Amino acid sequence: MKRWPRLVCILFLMLIGFAIGCQGEHKTNLFQQAVSADLPDFISLIAQYSDDPFYVAKYEGGYGFDAYREAGVYPSLQTLTANLNSFACSCFYACGDQPIFGRNFDWHENPALLLFTNPPGGYQSVSMVDISYLGYDQTITPFDLPENLQYAPYYPFDGMNEHGLAVGMMAVGHAEGGQDAGKVTLGSLELIRLMLDYAIDVPEALALVSAYNVDFGSVPVHYLVGDRYGNAAVIEFLDGEMVSMSGNGTFQVSTNFILAEAHPSGANSLCNRYNRLYSVLERSKGYIDRKKAMCLLKDVSQAGNATATRWSVVYDIHNLEILVAINRKYSNIFSYSFE
């Protein structure tokens, strides 16, 4: 497991975003940054990169997930548990010569956080978090209440770890996470944390997930997971059992319907976003670079209120780099890396 090199930390503190989207390239400056004296011990960096708002934070040390996954009980989190409503998101994995994972998170215009974590006993990872579920909004920011970020690792909506395993979730009509008394029960977002912290590739992720019940709360979801070895799978929970559907070795797409029930034939599903993603990736045979991946996310992004695209993120699995566009502002794309 890699540790944070001193140079990486220095560069990360000086980080700026690079626009490499569909309309050309330009740089954008750091909006606001907290100094270390203002932060609790478990946070070494909070930076704001836009007034949408969009933040980046680096989490130091552990957050108790080893104990949580063994018992499924973490009482201190209960005060922040929110009632999530329906999402409408899009994910794709393209193998090509350098695997890419693309994801649109479609939801309210809540504050977003790109979170870097490096827990003892787990893998280094980066994830996107809707931090409204941690008590933040347009007026209450992580600069005001940095202590609430201690719970941020438990709320990954998508992410990638140091081994190139990437995962995202999407709402579906139903999901039954099981009630096996011999298994610990995790929340649906915590299942993403499980995969990011402990899985190197898709087979390991599937083995981990199958060992747990899942509590979906008010939002049934399924997951797309992909790795740097050409493996991808959609993970669904039906009638209390995990069901996985592997990709075709070239690409895989998932939106907001249950693949194990719909069995779409090519680009002929009832979801236009799925059909568009499938058509483009089929034509390219899964060969797509990260700039084209972001353009494809733009193509299937959504305007509106409750289901507007809050963020688009491209996880460059081969290079361990991350591109982020906030609120469909594709002329201002931020770029980050592990090192």
C-alpha atoms as a PDB file:
ATOM      1  CA  MET A   1       0.000   0.000   0.000  1.00  0.00           C
ATOM      2  CA  LYS A   2       1.452   3.374  -0.991  1.00  0.00           C
ATOM      3  CA  ARG A   3       1.851   6.297   1.408  1.00  0.00           C
ATOM      4  CA  TRP A   4       1.629  10.002   0.713  1.00  0.00           C
ATOM      5  CA  PRO A   5       5.057  11.210  -0.514  1.00  0.00           C
ATOM      6  CA  ARG A   6       6.104  14.618   0.830  1.00  0.00           C
ATOM      7  CA  LEU A   7       6.335  16.022  -2.689  1.00  0.00           C
ATOM      8  CA  VAL A   8       2.793  14.878  -3.497  1.00  0.00           C
ATOM      9  CA  CYS A   9       1.460  16.652  -0.408  1.00  0.00           C
ATOM     10  CA  ILE A  10       3.238  19.869  -1.396  1.00  0.00           C
ATOM     11  CA  LEU A  11       1.975  19.648  -4.966  1.00  0.00           C
ATOM     12  CA  PHE A  12      -1.509  18.831  -3.749  1.00  0.00           C
ATOM     13  CA  LEU A  13      -1.560  21.957  -1.574  1.00  0.00           C
ATOM     14  CA  MET A  14      -0.583  23.983  -4.633  1.00  0.00           C
ATOM     15  CA  LEU A  15      -3.078  22.180  -6.881  1.00  0.00           C
ATOM     16  CA  ILE A  16      -4.913  23.997  -9.633  1.00  0.00           C
ATOM     17  CA  GLY A  17      -7.545  22.672 -11.964  1.00  0.00           C
ATOM     18  CA  PHE A  18      -6.948  22.185 -15.666  1.00  0.00           C
ATOM     19  CA  ALA A  19      -9.738  22.548 -18.170  1.00  0.00           C
ATOM     20  CA  ILE A  20      -9.292  19.839 -20.792  1.00  0.00           C
ATOM     21  CA  GLY A  21     -12.894  19.430 -21.815  1.00  0.00           C
ATOM     22  CA  CYS A  22     -14.722  19.617 -25.100  1.00  0.00           C
ATOM     23  CA  GLN A  23     -14.089  23.328 -25.621  1.00  0.00           C
ATOM     24  CA  GLY A  24     -10.293  23.487 -25.240  1.00  0.00           C
ATOM     25  CA  GLU A  25      -7.901  24.064 -22.365  1.00  0.00           C
ATOM     26  CA  HIS A  26      -7.362  26.761 -19.778  1.00  0.00           C
ATOM     27  CA  LYS A  27      -6.416  27.014 -16.131  1.00  0.00           C
ATOM     28  CA  THR A  28      -8.550  28.003 -13.175  1.00  0.00           C
ATOM     29  CA  ASN A  29      -7.204  29.227  -9.878  1.00  0.00           C
ATOM     30  CA  LEU A  30      -7.774  27.863  -6.414  1.00  0.00           C
ATOM     31  CA  PHE A  31     -10.823  29.591  -4.957  1.00  0.00           C
ATOM     32  CA  GLN A  32     -10.157  29.303  -1.225  1.00  0.00           C
ATOM     33  CA  GLN A  33      -8.017  27.138   1.044  1.00  0.00           C
ATOM     34  CA  ALA A  34      -7.970  26.466   4.779  1.00  0.00           C
ATOM     35  CA  VAL A  35      -4.664  26.585   6.637  1.00  0.00           C
ATOM     36  CA  SER A  36      -3.634  23.653   8.788  1.00  0.00           C
ATOM     37  CA  ALA A  37      -4.121  25.585  12.037  1.00  0.00           C
ATOM     38  CA  ASP A  38      -7.860  25.781  11.302  1.00  0.00           C
ATOM     39  CA  LEU A  39      -8.319  22.031  10.827  1.00  0.00           C
ATOM     40  CA  PRO A  40      -8.950  19.053  13.102  1.00  0.00           C
ATOM     41  CA  ASP A  41      -6.204  16.416  13.297  1.00  0.00           C
ATOM     42  CA  PHE A  42      -7.870  14.043  10.823  1.00  0.00           C
ATOM     43  CA  ILE A  43      -7.967  16.638   8.004  1.00  0.00           C
ATOM     44  CA  SER A  44      -4.741  18.006   6.482  1.00  0.00           C
ATOM     45  CA  LEU A  45      -6.331  19.988   3.666  1.00  0.00           C
ATOM     46  CA  ILE A  46      -9.606  21.661   2.737  1.00  0.00           C
ATOM     47  CA  ALA A  47      -9.620  23.603  -0.509  1.00  0.00           C
ATOM     48  CA  GLN A  48     -12.500  25.201  -2.399  1.00  0.00           C
ATOM     49  CA  TYR A  49     -12.207  25.172  -6.188  1.00  0.00           C
ATOM     50  CA  SER A  50     -15.457  26.817  -7.207  1.00  0.00           C
ATOM     51  CA  ASP A  51     -18.422  28.642  -5.700  1.00  0.00           C
ATOM     52  CA  ASP A  52     -20.887  25.932  -6.844  1.00  0.00           C
ATOM     53  CA  PRO A  53     -19.543  24.921  -4.259  1.00  0.00           C
ATOM     54  CA  PHE A  54     -16.901  22.253  -4.880  1.00  0.00           C
ATOM     55  CA  TYR A  55     -14.278  21.270  -2.302  1.00  0.00           C
ATOM     56  CA  VAL A  56     -11.288  18.970  -2.050  1.00  0.00           C
ATOM     57  CA  ALA A  57     -10.166  17.450   1.265  1.00  0.00           C
ATOM     58  CA  LYS A  58      -7.433  15.077   2.381  1.00  0.00           C
ATOM     59  CA  TYR A  59      -8.342  12.757   5.247  1.00  0.00           C
ATOM     60  CA  GLU A  60      -5.525  11.582   7.516  1.00  0.00           C
ATOM     61  CA  GLY A  61      -5.473   8.228   9.274  1.00  0.00           C
ATOM     62  CA  GLY A  62      -8.258   5.783   9.926  1.00  0.00           C
ATOM     63  CA  TYR A  63     -12.008   6.229  10.299  1.00  0.00           C
ATOM     64  CA  GLY A  64     -12.968   3.004  12.021  1.00  0.00           C
ATOM     65  CA  PHE A  65     -14.174   1.124   8.978  1.00  0.00           C
ATOM     66  CA  ASP A  66     -12.417  -2.117   9.949  1.00  0.00           C
ATOM     67  CA  ALA A  67     -14.517  -2.263  13.130  1.00  0.00           C
ATOM     68  CA  TYR A  68     -17.635  -1.137  11.294  1.00  0.00           C
ATOM     69  CA  ARG A  69     -17.492  -3.835   8.615  1.00  0.00           C
ATOM     70  CA  GLU A  70     -17.107  -6.516  11.270  1.00  0.00           C
ATOM     71  CA  ALA A  71     -20.104  -5.417  13.331  1.00  0.00           C
ATOM     72  CA  GLY A  72     -22.191  -3.202  11.030  1.00  0.00           C
ATOM     73  CA  VAL A  73     -22.720  -0.831  13.953  1.00  0.00           C
ATOM     74  CA  TYR A  74     -21.315   2.667  14.169  1.00  0.00           C
ATOM     75  CA  PRO A  75     -23.722   4.602  16.426  1.00  0.00           C
ATOM     76  CA  SER A  76     -21.964   7.953  16.082  1.00  0.00           C
ATOM     77  CA  LEU A  77     -22.968   8.056  12.412  1.00  0.00           C
ATOM     78  CA  GLN A  78     -26.680   7.789  13.069  1.00  0.00           C
ATOM     79  CA  THR A  79     -27.225  11.503  13.724  1.00  0.00           C
ATOM     80  CA  LEU A  80     -26.059  12.305  10.203  1.00  0.00           C
ATOM     81  CA  THR A  81     -27.969   9.592   8.361  1.00  0.00           C
ATOM     82  CA  ALA A  82     -30.228  11.267   5.810  1.00  0.00           C
ATOM     83  CA  ASN A  83     -33.333  10.176   3.944  1.00  0.00           C
ATOM     84  CA  LEU A  84     -32.093   9.902   0.365  1.00  0.00           C
ATOM     85  CA  ASN A  85     -34.544  10.198  -2.484  1.00  0.00           C
ATOM     86  CA  SER A  86     -34.297   8.887  -6.020  1.00  0.00           C
ATOM     87  CA  PHE A  87     -31.206   9.543  -8.136  1.00  0.00           C
ATOM     88  CA  ALA A  88     -30.900   9.374 -11.917  1.00  0.00           C
ATOM     89  CA  CYS A  89     -27.284   8.670 -12.813  1.00  0.00           C
ATOM     90  CA  SER A  90     -25.138   7.221 -15.596  1.00  0.00           C
ATOM     91  CA  CYS A  91     -21.973   5.091 -15.451  1.00  0.00           C
ATOM     92  CA  PHE A  92     -19.759   3.461 -18.052  1.00  0.00           C
ATOM     93  CA  TYR A  93     -16.518   1.512 -18.158  1.00  0.00           C
ATOM     94  CA  ALA A  94     -14.403   1.400 -21.299  1.00  0.00           C
ATOM     95  CA  CYS A  95     -11.499  -1.018 -21.484  1.00  0.00           C
ATOM     96  CA  GLY A  96      -9.621  -0.008 -24.630  1.00  0.00           C
ATOM     97  CA  ASP A  97      -5.851   0.211 -24.194  1.00  0.00           C
ATOM     98  CA  GLN A  98      -6.124   2.405 -21.059  1.00  0.00           C
ATOM     99  CA  PRO A  99      -9.260   1.729 -19.009  1.00  0.00           C
ATOM    100  CA  ILE A 100     -11.600   4.629 -18.261  1.00  0.00           C
ATOM    101  CA  PHE A 101     -14.543   4.865 -15.847  1.00  0.00           C
ATOM    102  CA  GLY A 102     -17.078   7.671 -16.410  1.00  0.00           C
ATOM    103  CA  ARG A 103     -19.880   8.740 -14.123  1.00  0.00           C
ATOM    104  CA  ASN A 104     -22.626  11.400 -13.958  1.00  0.00           C
ATOM    105  CA  PHE A 105     -24.237  11.980 -10.582  1.00  0.00           C
ATOM    106  CA  ASP A 106     -27.681  13.491 -11.209  1.00  0.00           C
ATOM    107  CA  TRP A 107     -29.225  15.120  -8.169  1.00  0.00           C
ATOM    108  CA  HIS A 108     -29.867  18.432  -6.414  1.00  0.00           C
ATOM    109  CA  GLU A 109     -27.255  21.201  -6.515  1.00  0.00           C
ATOM    110  CA  ASN A 110     -25.770  20.250  -3.163  1.00  0.00           C
ATOM    111  CA  PRO A 111     -22.147  20.997  -2.225  1.00  0.00           C
ATOM    112  CA  ALA A 112     -19.708  18.400  -3.547  1.00  0.00           C
ATOM    113  CA  LEU A 113     -16.423  17.140  -2.127  1.00  0.00           C
ATOM    114  CA  LEU A 114     -13.542  15.228  -3.690  1.00  0.00           C
ATOM    115  CA  LEU A 115     -12.108  13.253  -0.768  1.00  0.00           C
ATOM    116  CA  PHE A 116      -8.667  11.642  -0.608  1.00  0.00           C
ATOM    117  CA  THR A 117      -8.235   8.899   2.021  1.00  0.00           C
ATOM    118  CA  ASN A 118      -5.363   6.600   3.017  1.00  0.00           C
ATOM    119  CA  PRO A 119      -6.508   4.405   5.933  1.00  0.00           C
ATOM    120  CA  PRO A 120      -4.200   2.063   7.835  1.00  0.00           C
ATOM    121  CA  GLY A 121      -4.921  -1.460   6.673  1.00  0.00           C
ATOM    122  CA  GLY A 122      -6.776  -0.246   3.578  1.00  0.00           C
ATOM    123  CA  TYR A 123      -6.004   1.169   0.151  1.00  0.00           C
ATOM    124  CA  GLN A 124      -5.516   4.793  -0.730  1.00  0.00           C
ATOM    125  CA  SER A 125      -8.542   6.107  -2.618  1.00  0.00           C
ATOM    126  CA  VAL A 126     -10.383   9.144  -3.879  1.00  0.00           C
ATOM    127  CA  SER A 127     -14.165   9.510  -3.851  1.00  0.00           C
ATOM    128  CA  MET A 128     -16.888  12.037  -4.601  1.00  0.00           C
ATOM    129  CA  VAL A 129     -19.194  12.929  -1.705  1.00  0.00           C
ATOM    130  CA  ASP A 130     -22.464  14.878  -1.598  1.00  0.00           C
ATOM    131  CA  ILE A 131     -21.727  16.650   1.676  1.00  0.00           C
ATOM    132  CA  SER A 132     -25.254  17.930   2.200  1.00  0.00           C
ATOM    133  CA  TYR A 133     -25.673  14.661   4.114  1.00  0.00           C
ATOM    134  CA  LEU A 134     -22.970  15.859   6.504  1.00  0.00           C
ATOM    135  CA  GLY A 135     -24.866  19.033   7.343  1.00  0.00           C
ATOM    136  CA  TYR A 136     -23.361  21.389   4.738  1.00  0.00           C
ATOM    137  CA  ASP A 137     -25.206  23.694   2.348  1.00  0.00           C
ATOM    138  CA  GLN A 138     -24.593  26.964   0.506  1.00  0.00           C
ATOM    139  CA  THR A 139     -24.130  28.850   3.786  1.00  0.00           C
ATOM    140  CA  ILE A 140     -22.609  26.229   6.136  1.00  0.00           C
ATOM    141  CA  THR A 141     -19.277  25.103   4.695  1.00  0.00           C
ATOM    142  CA  PRO A 142     -16.492  22.682   5.661  1.00  0.00           C
ATOM    143  CA  PHE A 143     -14.510  25.762   6.714  1.00  0.00           C
ATOM    144  CA  ASP A 144     -17.218  26.481   9.288  1.00  0.00           C
ATOM    145  CA  LEU A 145     -17.649  22.895  10.574  1.00  0.00           C
ATOM    146  CA  PRO A 146     -14.590  20.861   9.548  1.00  0.00           C
ATOM    147  CA  GLU A 147     -15.307  18.349  12.324  1.00  0.00           C
ATOM    148  CA  ASN A 148     -18.280  16.983  10.336  1.00  0.00           C
ATOM    149  CA  LEU A 149     -15.847  15.740   7.709  1.00  0.00           C
ATOM    150  CA  GLN A 150     -14.869  12.908  10.062  1.00  0.00           C
ATOM    151  CA  TYR A 151     -17.901  11.076   8.625  1.00  0.00           C
ATOM    152  CA  ALA A 152     -17.131  11.839   4.968  1.00  0.00           C
ATOM    153  CA  PRO A 153     -15.408   8.482   4.226  1.00  0.00           C
ATOM    154  CA  TYR A 154     -18.737   6.739   4.903  1.00  0.00           C
ATOM    155  CA  TYR A 155     -20.539   8.666   2.138  1.00  0.00           C
ATOM    156  CA  PRO A 156     -18.740   7.854  -1.151  1.00  0.00           C
ATOM    157  CA  PHE A 157     -21.102   8.099  -4.128  1.00  0.00           C
ATOM    158  CA  ASP A 158     -18.354   6.937  -6.503  1.00  0.00           C
ATOM    159  CA  GLY A 159     -14.586   6.564  -6.357  1.00  0.00           C
ATOM    160  CA  MET A 160     -11.321   4.921  -7.395  1.00  0.00           C
ATOM    161  CA  ASN A 161      -8.533   3.379  -5.339  1.00  0.00           C
ATOM    162  CA  GLU A 162      -4.749   3.181  -5.788  1.00  0.00           C
ATOM    163  CA  HIS A 163      -5.038  -0.127  -7.658  1.00  0.00           C
ATOM    164  CA  GLY A 164      -7.368   1.365 -10.265  1.00  0.00           C
ATOM    165  CA  LEU A 165     -10.596  -0.184  -8.991  1.00  0.00           C
ATOM    166  CA  ALA A 166     -13.442   2.266  -9.738  1.00  0.00           C
ATOM    167  CA  VAL A 167     -17.083   2.064  -8.672  1.00  0.00           C
ATOM    168  CA  GLY A 168     -20.276   4.117  -8.930  1.00  0.00           C
ATOM    169  CA  MET A 169     -23.902   3.709  -7.833  1.00  0.00           C
ATOM    170  CA  MET A 170     -27.198   4.426  -9.626  1.00  0.00           C
ATOM    171  CA  ALA A 171     -30.807   4.296  -8.416  1.00  0.00           C
ATOM    172  CA  VAL A 172     -33.063   1.483  -9.582  1.00  0.00           C
ATOM    173  CA  GLY A 173     -36.688   0.548  -9.039  1.00  0.00           C
ATOM    174  CA  HIS A 174     -36.015  -1.982  -6.311  1.00  0.00           C
ATOM    175  CA  ALA A 175     -33.209  -3.828  -4.535  1.00  0.00           C
ATOM    176  CA  GLU A 176     -33.375  -6.383  -1.737  1.00  0.00           C
ATOM    177  CA  GLY A 177     -30.162  -6.520   0.221  1.00  0.00           C
ATOM    178  CA  GLY A 178     -30.842  -9.684   2.197  1.00  0.00           C
ATOM    179  CA  GLN A 179     -31.389 -10.502   5.847  1.00  0.00           C
ATOM    180  CA  ASP A 180     -28.948 -13.348   6.384  1.00  0.00           C
ATOM    181  CA  ALA A 181     -28.370 -13.576  10.125  1.00  0.00           C
ATOM    182  CA  GLY A 182     -24.887 -14.888   9.466  1.00  0.00           C
ATOM    183  CA  LYS A 183     -23.837 -11.742   7.588  1.00  0.00           C
ATOM    184  CA  VAL A 184     -23.118  -8.195   8.749  1.00  0.00           C
ATOM    185  CA  THR A 185     -25.351  -5.505   7.206  1.00  0.00           C
ATOM    186  CA  LEU A 186     -23.753  -2.440   5.609  1.00  0.00           C
ATOM    187  CA  GLY A 187     -25.376   0.651   4.105  1.00  0.00           C
ATOM    188  CA  SER A 188     -25.473   1.078   0.337  1.00  0.00           C
ATOM    189  CA  LEU A 189     -22.830   3.838   0.253  1.00  0.00           C
ATOM    190  CA  GLU A 190     -20.675   2.010   2.785  1.00  0.00           C
ATOM    191  CA  LEU A 191     -20.562  -0.883   0.326  1.00  0.00           C
ATOM    192  CA  ILE A 192     -18.647   1.446  -1.996  1.00  0.00           C
ATOM    193  CA  ARG A 193     -16.230   2.231   0.830  1.00  0.00           C
ATOM    194  CA  LEU A 194     -15.774  -1.504   1.379  1.00  0.00           C
ATOM    195  CA  MET A 195     -14.730  -2.019  -2.234  1.00  0.00           C
ATOM    196  CA  LEU A 196     -12.452   1.020  -2.376  1.00  0.00           C
ATOM    197  CA  ASP A 197     -10.633   0.161   0.846  1.00  0.00           C
ATOM    198  CA  TYR A 198     -10.158  -3.575   0.368  1.00  0.00           C
ATOM    199  CA  ALA A 199     -10.504  -4.673  -3.288  1.00  0.00           C
ATOM    200  CA  ILE A 200      -7.734  -4.659  -5.880  1.00  0.00           C
ATOM    201  CA  ASP A 201      -9.856  -5.842  -8.801  1.00  0.00           C
ATOM    202  CA  VAL A 202     -13.431  -6.770  -9.747  1.00  0.00           C
ATOM    203  CA  PRO A 203     -13.235 -10.418  -8.599  1.00  0.00           C
ATOM    204  CA  GLU A 204     -12.101  -9.264  -5.160  1.00  0.00           C
ATOM    205  CA  ALA A 205     -14.873  -6.645  -5.071  1.00  0.00           C
ATOM    206  CA  LEU A 206     -17.523  -9.242  -5.906  1.00  0.00           C
ATOM    207  CA  ALA A 207     -16.223 -11.604  -3.229  1.00  0.00           C
ATOM    208  CA  LEU A 208     -16.294  -8.832  -0.625  1.00  0.00           C
ATOM    209  CA  VAL A 209     -19.788  -7.607  -1.490  1.00  0.00           C
ATOM    210  CA  SER A 210     -21.263 -11.110  -1.495  1.00  0.00           C
ATOM    211  CA  ALA A 211     -20.279 -11.519   2.157  1.00  0.00           C
ATOM    212  CA  TYR A 212     -22.670  -8.785   3.375  1.00  0.00           C
ATOM    213  CA  ASN A 213     -26.322  -7.872   3.600  1.00  0.00           C
ATOM    214  CA  VAL A 214     -27.076  -4.365   2.329  1.00  0.00           C
ATOM    215  CA  ASP A 215     -29.472  -1.836   3.828  1.00  0.00           C
ATOM    216  CA  PHE A 216     -30.651   0.360   0.941  1.00  0.00           C
ATOM    217  CA  GLY A 217     -32.798   2.607   3.111  1.00  0.00           C
ATOM    218  CA  SER A 218     -35.229   4.599   0.982  1.00  0.00           C
ATOM    219  CA  VAL A 219     -33.144   4.395  -2.219  1.00  0.00           C
ATOM    220  CA  PRO A 220     -32.547   1.060  -3.970  1.00  0.00           C
ATOM    221  CA  VAL A 221     -29.361   1.217  -6.044  1.00  0.00           C
ATOM    222  CA  HIS A 222     -27.079  -0.956  -8.104  1.00  0.00           C
ATOM    223  CA  TYR A 223     -23.367  -0.554  -8.834  1.00  0.00           C
ATOM    224  CA  LEU A 224     -20.939  -0.588 -11.728  1.00  0.00           C
ATOM    225  CA  VAL A 225     -17.374  -1.596 -10.867  1.00  0.00           C
ATOM    226  CA  GLY A 226     -14.352  -1.803 -13.171  1.00  0.00           C
ATOM    227  CA  ASP A 227     -10.611  -2.340 -12.827  1.00  0.00           C
ATOM    228  CA  ARG A 228      -7.340  -1.875 -14.696  1.00  0.00           C
ATOM    229  CA  TYR A 229      -7.296  -5.487 -15.920  1.00  0.00           C
ATOM    230  CA  GLY A 230     -10.270  -5.244 -18.266  1.00  0.00           C
ATOM    231  CA  ASN A 231     -12.837  -6.569 -15.789  1.00  0.00           C
ATOM    232  CA  ALA A 232     -16.189  -4.882 -15.200  1.00  0.00           C
ATOM    233  CA  ALA A 233     -19.460  -5.927 -13.598  1.00  0.00           C
ATOM    234  CA  VAL A 234     -22.842  -4.546 -12.638  1.00  0.00           C
ATOM    235  CA  ILE A 235     -23.792  -5.597  -9.099  1.00  0.00           C
ATOM    236  CA  GLU A 236     -27.480  -5.874  -8.189  1.00  0.00           C
ATOM    237  CA  PHE A 237     -29.395  -7.294  -5.227  1.00  0.00           C
ATOM    238  CA  LEU A 238     -32.548  -9.206  -6.076  1.00  0.00           C
ATOM    239  CA  ASP A 239     -34.610 -11.247  -3.619  1.00  0.00           C
ATOM    240  CA  GLY A 240     -31.881 -10.922  -1.030  1.00  0.00           C
ATOM    241  CA  GLU A 241     -29.135 -12.300  -3.281  1.00  0.00           C
ATOM    242  CA  MET A 242     -26.264 -10.543  -5.032  1.00  0.00           C
ATOM    243  CA  VAL A 243     -26.391 -10.827  -8.829  1.00  0.00           C
ATOM    244  CA  SER A 244     -23.465  -9.737 -11.000  1.00  0.00           C
ATOM    245  CA  MET A 245     -23.324  -9.278 -14.767  1.00  0.00           C
ATOM    246  CA  SER A 246     -19.874  -9.105 -16.327  1.00  0.00           C
ATOM    247  CA  GLY A 247     -18.975  -6.771 -19.150  1.00  0.00           C
ATOM    248  CA  ASN A 248     -18.205  -7.940 -22.678  1.00  0.00           C
ATOM    249  CA  GLY A 249     -14.470  -7.390 -22.258  1.00  0.00           C
ATOM    250  CA  THR A 250     -14.656  -4.107 -24.156  1.00  0.00           C
ATOM    251  CA  PHE A 251     -17.085  -1.867 -22.266  1.00  0.00           C
ATOM    252  CA  GLN A 252     -20.042  -1.868 -19.897  1.00  0.00           C
ATOM    253  CA  VAL A 253     -22.864   0.614 -19.312  1.00  0.00           C
ATOM    254  CA  SER A 254     -25.350   1.077 -16.497  1.00  0.00           C
ATOM    255  CA  THR A 255     -28.005   3.680 -15.736  1.00  0.00           C
ATOM    256  CA  ASN A 256     -31.284   3.396 -13.789  1.00  0.00           C
ATOM    257  CA  PHE A 257     -32.865   0.073 -14.643  1.00  0.00           C
ATOM    258  CA  ILE A 258     -32.112  -3.446 -13.442  1.00  0.00           C
ATOM    259  CA  LEU A 259     -30.057  -5.234 -16.077  1.00  0.00           C
ATOM    260  CA  ALA A 260     -30.808  -8.687 -14.673  1.00  0.00           C
ATOM    261  CA  GLU A 261     -34.509  -8.087 -15.329  1.00  0.00           C
ATOM    262  CA  ALA A 262     -34.477  -5.958 -18.485  1.00  0.00           C
ATOM    263  CA  HIS A 263     -31.772  -7.885 -20.391  1.00  0.00           C
ATOM    264  CA  PRO A 264     -31.324  -5.061 -22.936  1.00  0.00           C
ATOM    265  CA  SER A 265     -30.153  -6.086 -26.379  1.00  0.00           C
ATOM    266  CA  GLY A 266     -27.520  -3.578 -27.410  1.00  0.00           C
ATOM    267  CA  ALA A 267     -28.646   0.038 -27.489  1.00  0.00           C
ATOM    268  CA  ASN A 268     -32.334  -0.884 -27.292  1.00  0.00           C
ATOM    269  CA  SER A 269     -33.227  -0.221 -23.674  1.00  0.00           C
ATOM    270  CA  LEU A 270     -35.960   2.109 -22.422  1.00  0.00           C
ATOM    271  CA  CYS A 271     -33.295   4.563 -21.172  1.00  0.00           C
ATOM    272  CA  ASN A 272     -31.985   7.034 -23.751  1.00  0.00           C
ATOM    273  CA  ARG A 273     -28.842   7.703 -21.710  1.00  0.00           C
ATOM    274  CA  TYR A 274     -27.988   4.002 -21.662  1.00  0.00           C
ATOM    275  CA  ASN A 275     -28.604   3.725 -25.406  1.00  0.00           C
ATOM    276  CA  ARG A 276     -26.408   6.703 -26.209  1.00  0.00           C
ATOM    277  CA  LEU A 277     -23.520   5.468 -24.059  1.00  0.00           C
ATOM    278  CA  TYR A 278     -23.808   1.961 -25.460  1.00  0.00           C
ATOM    279  CA  SER A 279     -23.865   3.140 -29.078  1.00  0.00           C
ATOM    280  CA  VAL A 280     -20.776   5.336 -28.742  1.00  0.00           C
ATOM    281  CA  LEU A 281     -18.750   2.726 -26.871  1.00  0.00           C
ATOM    282  CA  GLU A 282     -19.797  -0.041 -29.230  1.00  0.00           C
ATOM    283  CA  ARG A 283     -18.641   1.967 -32.241  1.00  0.00           C
ATOM    284  CA  SER A 284     -15.309   2.752 -30.592  1.00  0.00           C
ATOM    285  CA  LYS A 285     -14.914  -0.849 -29.343  1.00  0.00           C
ATOM    286  CA  GLY A 286     -14.218   0.595 -25.909  1.00  0.00           C
ATOM    287  CA  TYR A 287     -11.318   2.757 -27.089  1.00  0.00           C
ATOM    288  CA  ILE A 288     -11.931   6.204 -25.637  1.00  0.00           C
ATOM    289  CA  ASP A 289      -9.574   8.685 -24.050  1.00  0.00           C
ATOM    290  CA  ARG A 290     -10.470  10.733 -20.990  1.00  0.00           C
ATOM    291  CA  LYS A 291     -11.253  13.900 -22.957  1.00  0.00           C
ATOM    292  CA  LYS A 292     -13.761  12.014 -25.120  1.00  0.00           C
ATOM    293  CA  ALA A 293     -15.074  10.318 -21.987  1.00  0.00           C
ATOM    294  CA  MET A 294     -15.900  13.682 -20.458  1.00  0.00           C
ATOM    295  CA  CYS A 295     -17.544  14.778 -23.700  1.00  0.00           C
ATOM    296  CA  LEU A 296     -19.652  11.619 -23.610  1.00  0.00           C
ATOM    297  CA  LEU A 297     -20.719  12.412 -20.044  1.00  0.00           C
ATOM    298  CA  LYS A 298     -21.644  15.896 -21.232  1.00  0.00           C
ATOM    299  CA  ASP A 299     -23.721  14.345 -24.002  1.00  0.00           C
ATOM    300  CA  VAL A 300     -25.827  12.339 -21.519  1.00  0.00           C
ATOM    301  CA  SER A 301     -25.902  14.969 -18.759  1.00  0.00           C
ATOM    302  CA  GLN A 302     -29.240  16.342 -17.575  1.00  0.00           C
ATOM    303  CA  ALA A 303     -30.560  19.812 -16.849  1.00  0.00           C
ATOM    304  CA  GLY A 304     -33.384  20.625 -14.488  1.00  0.00           C
ATOM    305  CA  ASN A 305     -33.875  20.562 -10.751  1.00  0.00           C
ATOM    306  CA  ALA A 306     -34.049  17.261  -8.838  1.00  0.00           C
ATOM    307  CA  THR A 307     -32.225  15.233 -11.497  1.00  0.00           C
ATOM    308  CA  ALA A 308     -29.736  17.755 -12.877  1.00  0.00           C
ATOM    309  CA  THR A 309     -26.180  16.496 -13.312  1.00  0.00           C
ATOM    310  CA  ARG A 310     -24.425  17.599 -10.152  1.00  0.00           C
ATOM    311  CA  TRP A 311     -21.024  16.317 -11.160  1.00  0.00           C
ATOM    312  CA  SER A 312     -19.364  14.458 -14.006  1.00  0.00           C
ATOM    313  CA  VAL A 313     -16.209  12.555 -13.110  1.00  0.00           C
ATOM    314  CA  VAL A 314     -13.792  10.581 -15.249  1.00  0.00           C
ATOM    315  CA  TYR A 315     -11.559   8.130 -13.420  1.00  0.00           C
ATOM    316  CA  ASP A 316      -8.493   7.531 -15.566  1.00  0.00           C
ATOM    317  CA  ILE A 317      -7.754   4.051 -14.233  1.00  0.00           C
ATOM    318  CA  HIS A 318      -4.484   3.628 -16.109  1.00  0.00           C
ATOM    319  CA  ASN A 319      -2.906   6.885 -14.938  1.00  0.00           C
ATOM    320  CA  LEU A 320      -4.734   7.139 -11.588  1.00  0.00           C
ATOM    321  CA  GLU A 321      -5.981  10.610 -12.491  1.00  0.00           C
ATOM    322  CA  ILE A 322      -9.368  12.199 -11.913  1.00  0.00           C
ATOM    323  CA  LEU A 323     -11.261  14.784 -13.978  1.00  0.00           C
ATOM    324  CA  VAL A 324     -14.237  16.577 -12.446  1.00  0.00           C
ATOM    325  CA  ALA A 325     -16.858  18.920 -13.924  1.00  0.00           C
ATOM    326  CA  ILE A 326     -19.376  20.519 -11.545  1.00  0.00           C
ATOM    327  CA  ASN A 327     -22.926  21.515 -12.481  1.00  0.00           C
ATOM    328  CA  ARG A 328     -22.385  20.819 -16.206  1.00  0.00           C
ATOM    329  CA  LYS A 329     -19.656  23.466 -16.485  1.00  0.00           C
ATOM    330  CA  TYR A 330     -17.662  21.492 -19.017  1.00  0.00           C
ATOM    331  CA  SER A 331     -15.435  24.406 -19.978  1.00  0.00           C
ATOM    332  CA  ASN A 332     -13.976  24.310 -16.455  1.00  0.00           C
ATOM    333  CA  ILE A 333     -12.764  20.776 -15.766  1.00  0.00           C
ATOM    334  CA  PHE A 334     -10.583  20.124 -12.721  1.00  0.00           C
ATOM    335  CA  SER A 335      -7.768  17.572 -12.859  1.00  0.00           C
ATOM    336  CA  TYR A 336      -6.257  15.718  -9.902  1.00  0.00           C
ATOM    337  CA  SER A 337      -3.989  12.712  -9.405  1.00  0.00           C
ATOM    338  CA  PHE A 338      -2.761  10.361  -6.706  1.00  0.00           C
ATOM    339  CA  GLU A 339       0.861  11.353  -7.444  1.00  0.00           C
END
